[in-house]
Amino acid sequence: MTVMDLGKVGVWHPLFTRESAGEVRRAAAEIERLGYGTLWYPEAPGGRESLSAGAIVLAATERVNVASGIASIWARDAMAAAAGAAALGEAYGGRFVLGLGVSHKPAVQMRGHDYTRPVAAMSAYLDAMREIPPVAAPERPVPVLLAALRPRMLELAREKADGVHSYFVPPEHTDLARKTLGPGPVLAPEQAVVLETDPARARAIARTHTRVYLQLPNYVNNLLHLGFSQDDVAGEGSDRLVDAIVAWGDADAIATRVRDHLDAGADHVSLQPLPSGVDESLALLRDLAPVLGPLLTSEG
C-alpha cells in the first residue's frame, strides 16, 4: 500500500476541468497559498480529460497534492491510466493521486460502453493496470483511490487499492466506510459547504447541488442504505437530507462538520464550495482558512 499525506483538508472543485487554463492556474495557486493540502477535480462529459486536467493544476502549483476525483475507468484503458498517472507522478515529485471510479450508467452509455457488473469491471481494471509497468515511474508508486460507497466496492478498495474517495456522503457514511476498510487504507470524503447562516438561503444554494446528484441511482441507493427515506431523496431533497449532505452556517459550523468526518475515521476531507463560481469559491475558502487553521497542516 502506498503511503500518502493528503493533509487534513483539501478542495474539490469542477473549475479545474471547466474553466479556462488561466483561471485554473490562478485559482490553484491561491488555494495552495491558503494552505489546503490537496486539490481534487472531477471528470465529466464536456470537461477536460482527467490526466490533462491534472497536468494543468500540477504545473500551476509547487507543493499541493493534485487528485483526480474521479477519473472514469471507461474514458481510457488501464494501461493508459497507469502510464499517464506514472508520468505525472514522476514529473511532479510524487504529488499526483489517481482517483478511479466506475462513473454512472448515463455517462458510461454516452461513451458507448455497457454499464454492468461495476465492481467486477473495476477489479479487472486494477489488475490490468499492474500487468505492464510503465517505462517512466516516480520514486514511489502513484496512490490509487477508488470512488466507493457501498460495501462491495469498499472491500475492493481495501484489497486492491490504497484507499477511498467518497462523494455526496454524510459523516455516518464515513464511519461505516472506515469500519469496512479497517485502519490502513486512506479515507477521503468530499464535503459540500455553504458559508451562509440564514437557513432558507443556505438550503436554496445547497439544493442547486443536491438536485443534480439525486438524479443518479448510485447516490440515491447509498442514501437509502444509510437510512434516508424515499421522501428524503425525492426531488431536490428534504431539509434533513440537505443538511446531512451540505454543511452550511458560519465558518465554525463548517469546521465542526469537517471534524465530524475526521472523528468518524476520515484521514482527509475535501471541501466543495457552493455556489461554484471561481471568485465566490475563492472568497469562501479565504474566509474558512483562519478557522480551519490547525487543520490545514498535517498536525491538525
Protein backbone atom coordinates (compact mmCIF):
# COMPACT_ATOMS: atom_id res chain seq x y z
CA MET A 1 0.00 0.00 0.00
CA THR A 2 1.36 3.39 -0.98
CA VAL A 3 1.70 5.82 1.93
CA MET A 4 0.38 9.33 1.26
CA ASP A 5 -0.22 12.56 3.15
CA LEU A 6 -3.13 14.43 1.65
CA GLY A 7 -3.30 16.91 4.52
CA LYS A 8 -6.38 17.09 6.71
CA VAL A 9 -8.40 19.41 4.44
CA GLY A 10 -8.40 19.90 0.68
CA VAL A 11 -10.60 21.43 -2.00
CA TRP A 12 -12.80 19.63 -4.54
CA HIS A 13 -13.89 21.81 -7.44
CA PRO A 14 -15.20 21.42 -11.01
CA LEU A 15 -13.47 24.66 -12.04
CA PHE A 16 -10.28 22.66 -12.62
CA THR A 17 -11.91 20.91 -15.58
CA ARG A 18 -14.33 23.50 -16.96
CA GLU A 19 -12.72 26.97 -16.62
CA SER A 20 -10.01 28.42 -18.85
CA ALA A 21 -6.45 27.30 -18.18
CA GLY A 22 -5.65 30.81 -16.94
CA GLU A 23 -8.45 30.70 -14.37
CA VAL A 24 -7.37 27.22 -13.30
CA ARG A 25 -3.81 28.43 -12.71
CA ARG A 26 -5.00 31.48 -10.75
CA ALA A 27 -7.34 29.50 -8.52
CA ALA A 28 -4.95 26.61 -7.92
CA ALA A 29 -2.10 28.90 -6.92
CA GLU A 30 -4.26 30.81 -4.46
CA ILE A 31 -5.74 27.69 -2.88
CA GLU A 32 -2.22 26.36 -2.43
CA ARG A 33 -1.18 29.63 -0.73
CA LEU A 34 -4.12 29.31 1.66
CA GLY A 35 -2.72 26.00 2.90
CA TYR A 36 -5.21 23.42 1.64
CA GLY A 37 -3.49 20.07 1.25
CA THR A 38 -4.94 18.51 -1.91
CA LEU A 39 -6.80 19.82 -4.95
CA TRP A 40 -9.44 17.46 -6.36
CA TYR A 41 -11.19 17.69 -9.71
CA PRO A 42 -13.89 15.61 -11.47
CA GLU A 43 -14.16 14.08 -14.90
CA ALA A 44 -17.48 14.59 -16.66
CA PRO A 45 -18.80 14.86 -20.21
CA GLY A 46 -17.92 18.27 -21.60
CA GLY A 47 -14.98 18.79 -19.26
CA ARG A 48 -11.26 18.23 -19.70
CA GLU A 49 -9.81 14.76 -19.95
CA SER A 50 -8.75 13.79 -16.45
CA LEU A 51 -4.98 13.38 -16.73
CA SER A 52 -4.69 16.51 -18.88
CA ALA A 53 -6.61 18.45 -16.24
CA GLY A 54 -4.27 17.14 -13.57
CA ALA A 55 -1.22 18.26 -15.54
CA ILE A 56 -2.53 21.85 -15.74
CA VAL A 57 -3.13 22.01 -11.98
CA LEU A 58 0.19 20.39 -11.14
CA ALA A 59 2.07 22.83 -13.37
CA ALA A 60 0.37 25.77 -11.64
CA THR A 61 1.39 24.65 -8.12
CA GLU A 62 4.53 23.74 -6.24
CA ARG A 63 3.66 21.77 -3.10
CA VAL A 64 -0.02 20.83 -3.01
CA ASN A 65 -1.19 17.35 -3.98
CA VAL A 66 -3.45 17.03 -7.02
CA ALA A 67 -6.01 14.23 -7.24
CA SER A 68 -8.48 13.07 -9.86
CA GLY A 69 -11.84 12.82 -8.18
CA ILE A 70 -12.78 10.79 -10.08
CA ALA A 71 -11.26 9.60 -13.39
CA SER A 72 -13.67 7.25 -15.14
CA ILE A 73 -12.34 3.80 -15.99
CA TRP A 74 -14.39 3.99 -19.20
CA ALA A 75 -12.53 7.04 -20.52
CA ARG A 76 -9.15 5.33 -21.05
CA ASP A 77 -7.85 1.80 -20.88
CA ALA A 78 -6.00 0.54 -17.84
CA MET A 79 -2.52 0.71 -19.35
CA ALA A 80 -3.09 4.31 -20.45
CA ALA A 81 -4.26 5.22 -16.95
CA ALA A 82 -1.25 3.58 -15.32
CA ALA A 83 1.24 5.14 -17.74
CA GLY A 84 -0.33 8.59 -17.58
CA ALA A 85 -0.52 8.62 -13.80
CA ALA A 86 3.08 7.43 -13.50
CA ALA A 87 4.22 10.19 -15.86
CA LEU A 88 2.50 12.85 -13.73
CA GLY A 89 3.88 11.36 -10.54
CA GLU A 90 7.41 11.27 -11.93
CA ALA A 91 7.26 14.76 -13.42
CA TYR A 92 5.79 16.48 -10.37
CA GLY A 93 7.59 14.98 -7.41
CA GLY A 94 5.01 12.42 -6.40
CA ARG A 95 2.22 14.98 -5.94
CA PHE A 96 -0.35 13.20 -8.12
CA VAL A 97 -3.04 10.88 -6.77
CA LEU A 98 -5.11 8.78 -9.17
CA GLY A 99 -8.74 8.51 -8.14
CA LEU A 100 -10.68 5.98 -10.21
CA GLY A 101 -14.39 5.29 -10.46
CA VAL A 102 -16.96 3.35 -12.45
CA SER A 103 -18.94 6.55 -13.10
CA HIS A 104 -22.71 6.37 -13.70
CA LYS A 105 -24.82 4.50 -16.24
CA PRO A 106 -25.82 7.51 -18.41
CA ALA A 107 -22.24 8.78 -18.71
CA VAL A 108 -20.93 5.29 -19.44
CA GLN A 109 -23.54 4.69 -22.13
CA MET A 110 -22.67 8.08 -23.65
CA ARG A 111 -19.16 6.71 -24.20
CA GLY A 112 -20.54 3.58 -25.88
CA HIS A 113 -19.92 1.14 -23.04
CA ASP A 114 -22.18 -1.28 -21.19
CA TYR A 115 -22.58 -0.41 -17.50
CA THR A 116 -22.86 -3.87 -15.98
CA ARG A 117 -21.09 -5.51 -13.04
CA PRO A 118 -19.23 -2.35 -11.99
CA VAL A 119 -17.32 -3.99 -9.14
CA ALA A 120 -16.03 -6.73 -11.44
CA ALA A 121 -15.12 -4.13 -14.07
CA MET A 122 -13.13 -2.13 -11.54
CA SER A 123 -11.37 -5.21 -10.22
CA ALA A 124 -10.30 -6.26 -13.71
CA TYR A 125 -9.16 -2.71 -14.48
CA LEU A 126 -6.94 -2.59 -11.39
CA ASP A 127 -5.42 -5.95 -12.30
CA ALA A 128 -4.71 -4.77 -15.83
CA MET A 129 -3.02 -1.60 -14.56
CA ARG A 130 -0.42 -3.75 -12.84
CA GLU A 131 0.33 -6.07 -15.75
CA ILE A 132 2.75 -3.78 -17.64
CA PRO A 133 4.92 -1.47 -15.51
CA PRO A 134 5.30 2.00 -17.09
CA VAL A 135 8.69 2.99 -18.50
CA ALA A 136 8.87 6.25 -16.54
CA ALA A 137 7.98 5.69 -12.91
CA PRO A 138 8.05 8.02 -9.90
CA GLU A 139 10.22 7.26 -6.88
CA ARG A 140 7.13 5.88 -5.17
CA PRO A 141 4.05 4.42 -6.89
CA VAL A 142 1.19 6.83 -7.57
CA PRO A 143 -1.51 6.22 -4.94
CA VAL A 144 -4.77 4.83 -6.31
CA LEU A 145 -8.06 5.65 -4.58
CA LEU A 146 -11.45 4.29 -5.58
CA ALA A 147 -14.79 6.03 -5.68
CA ALA A 148 -16.62 3.71 -3.29
CA LEU A 149 -19.95 3.97 -1.50
CA ARG A 150 -21.37 0.50 -0.89
CA PRO A 151 -19.71 -2.45 0.88
CA ARG A 152 -18.53 -4.41 -2.17
CA MET A 153 -16.62 -1.51 -3.71
CA LEU A 154 -15.25 -0.54 -0.29
CA GLU A 155 -14.00 -4.10 0.14
CA LEU A 156 -12.37 -4.00 -3.29
CA ALA A 157 -10.61 -0.75 -2.35
CA ARG A 158 -9.33 -2.41 0.81
CA GLU A 159 -7.98 -5.36 -1.20
CA LYS A 160 -6.60 -3.77 -4.36
CA ALA A 161 -6.19 0.00 -3.90
CA ASP A 162 -4.70 2.49 -1.44
CA GLY A 163 -7.98 3.90 -0.19
CA VAL A 164 -11.29 5.54 -0.96
CA HIS A 165 -12.54 8.92 -2.14
CA SER A 166 -16.26 9.05 -1.22
CA TYR A 167 -18.63 11.69 -2.58
CA PHE A 168 -22.04 13.07 -1.57
CA VAL A 169 -21.90 11.41 1.83
CA PRO A 170 -22.58 12.43 5.45
CA PRO A 171 -20.23 11.58 8.34
CA GLU A 172 -22.35 8.49 9.06
CA HIS A 173 -21.10 7.01 5.80
CA THR A 174 -17.54 7.86 6.74
CA ASP A 175 -17.98 5.84 9.93
CA LEU A 176 -19.34 2.82 8.02
CA ALA A 177 -16.63 3.12 5.37
CA ARG A 178 -13.86 3.15 7.96
CA LYS A 179 -15.28 0.06 9.64
CA THR A 180 -15.27 -1.73 6.28
CA LEU A 181 -11.82 -0.54 5.23
CA GLY A 182 -10.12 -1.13 8.55
CA PRO A 183 -7.25 1.01 9.86
CA GLY A 184 -4.91 1.02 6.85
CA PRO A 185 -6.43 2.46 3.67
CA VAL A 186 -6.84 6.20 3.23
CA LEU A 187 -10.40 7.53 3.51
CA ALA A 188 -11.01 10.92 1.91
CA PRO A 189 -14.66 12.04 1.71
CA GLU A 190 -15.88 15.11 -0.16
CA GLN A 191 -17.97 17.66 1.76
CA ALA A 192 -20.06 20.35 0.04
CA VAL A 193 -20.17 23.63 2.01
CA VAL A 194 -22.19 26.85 2.01
CA LEU A 195 -20.96 29.81 4.07
CA GLU A 196 -24.41 31.19 4.90
CA THR A 197 -26.19 31.35 8.27
CA ASP A 198 -29.74 32.01 7.04
CA PRO A 199 -31.39 28.56 6.75
CA ALA A 200 -33.62 29.39 3.78
CA ARG A 201 -30.82 30.97 1.74
CA ALA A 202 -28.33 28.26 2.68
CA ARG A 203 -30.67 25.43 1.74
CA ALA A 204 -31.61 27.12 -1.52
CA ILE A 205 -27.93 27.20 -2.51
CA ALA A 206 -27.44 23.64 -1.25
CA ARG A 207 -30.30 22.37 -3.40
CA THR A 208 -28.57 23.55 -6.58
CA HIS A 209 -26.13 20.79 -5.66
CA THR A 210 -28.41 18.06 -4.29
CA ARG A 211 -30.88 18.24 -7.18
CA VAL A 212 -28.14 17.15 -9.59
CA TYR A 213 -26.91 14.13 -7.67
CA LEU A 214 -30.31 12.91 -6.52
CA GLN A 215 -30.97 12.04 -10.17
CA LEU A 216 -28.23 9.38 -10.06
CA PRO A 217 -29.16 5.93 -8.69
CA ASN A 218 -25.72 5.23 -7.19
CA TYR A 219 -26.05 8.13 -4.76
CA VAL A 220 -29.74 7.61 -4.07
CA ASN A 221 -29.27 3.92 -3.29
CA ASN A 222 -26.41 4.72 -0.94
CA LEU A 223 -28.53 7.26 0.93
CA LEU A 224 -31.38 4.77 1.25
CA HIS A 225 -28.85 2.25 2.58
CA LEU A 226 -27.85 4.82 5.21
CA GLY A 227 -31.44 5.11 6.43
CA PHE A 228 -32.85 8.05 4.48
CA SER A 229 -36.40 7.60 3.21
CA GLN A 230 -37.84 7.82 -0.28
CA ASP A 231 -39.33 11.18 0.73
CA ASP A 232 -35.87 12.40 1.79
CA VAL A 233 -34.32 11.63 -1.61
CA ALA A 234 -37.23 12.87 -3.75
CA GLY A 235 -36.77 15.95 -5.91
CA GLU A 236 -34.12 18.30 -4.51
CA GLY A 237 -34.03 16.51 -1.15
CA SER A 238 -35.69 17.05 2.21
CA ASP A 239 -34.28 19.52 4.73
CA ARG A 240 -32.96 16.53 6.66
CA LEU A 241 -31.06 15.22 3.67
CA VAL A 242 -29.82 18.63 2.52
CA ASP A 243 -28.48 19.37 5.99
CA ALA A 244 -26.72 15.99 6.11
CA ILE A 245 -25.07 16.32 2.69
CA VAL A 246 -24.23 20.04 2.64
CA ALA A 247 -22.57 21.73 5.62
CA TRP A 248 -23.88 25.28 5.97
CA GLY A 249 -23.62 28.05 8.52
CA ASP A 250 -20.69 30.11 9.72
CA ALA A 251 -17.05 29.04 9.45
CA ASP A 252 -17.17 27.35 12.86
CA ALA A 253 -20.14 25.22 11.78
CA ILE A 254 -18.30 24.09 8.67
CA ALA A 255 -15.15 23.33 10.68
CA THR A 256 -17.31 21.23 13.01
CA ARG A 257 -18.57 19.15 10.06
CA VAL A 258 -15.00 18.60 8.91
CA ARG A 259 -14.10 17.35 12.38
CA ASP A 260 -17.18 15.10 12.36
CA HIS A 261 -15.75 13.32 9.32
CA LEU A 262 -12.28 13.14 10.85
CA ASP A 263 -13.68 11.81 14.12
CA ALA A 264 -15.63 9.20 12.14
CA GLY A 265 -12.42 7.88 10.60
CA ALA A 266 -11.57 10.12 7.65
CA ASP A 267 -7.93 10.94 7.00
CA HIS A 268 -8.74 13.89 4.77
CA VAL A 269 -11.84 15.93 3.86
CA SER A 270 -12.15 17.80 0.55
CA LEU A 271 -14.40 20.85 0.66
CA GLN A 272 -16.58 21.71 -2.33
CA PRO A 273 -17.63 25.39 -2.14
CA LEU A 274 -21.17 26.30 -3.17
CA PRO A 275 -22.06 28.23 -5.24
CA SER A 276 -19.27 27.10 -7.54
CA GLY A 277 -18.21 30.33 -9.29
CA VAL A 278 -14.46 30.82 -9.18
CA ASP A 279 -14.40 34.14 -7.31
CA GLU A 280 -17.19 33.13 -4.91
CA SER A 281 -15.39 29.88 -4.15
CA LEU A 282 -12.05 31.57 -3.54
CA ALA A 283 -13.72 34.09 -1.21
CA LEU A 284 -15.34 31.25 0.75
CA LEU A 285 -12.05 29.37 1.06
CA ARG A 286 -10.29 32.54 2.23
CA ASP A 287 -12.93 33.07 4.92
CA LEU A 288 -12.68 29.46 6.08
CA ALA A 289 -8.89 29.28 6.19
CA PRO A 290 -8.38 31.15 9.53
CA VAL A 291 -10.94 28.96 11.31
CA LEU A 292 -9.63 25.77 9.74
CA GLY A 293 -6.07 26.90 10.50
CA PRO A 294 -4.87 23.94 12.59
CA LEU A 295 -6.49 21.50 10.15
CA LEU A 296 -4.61 22.98 7.21
CA THR A 297 -1.42 21.36 8.44
CA SER A 298 -0.61 17.69 8.84
CA GLU A 299 -0.63 18.22 12.61
CA GLY A 300 -4.28 19.41 12.65
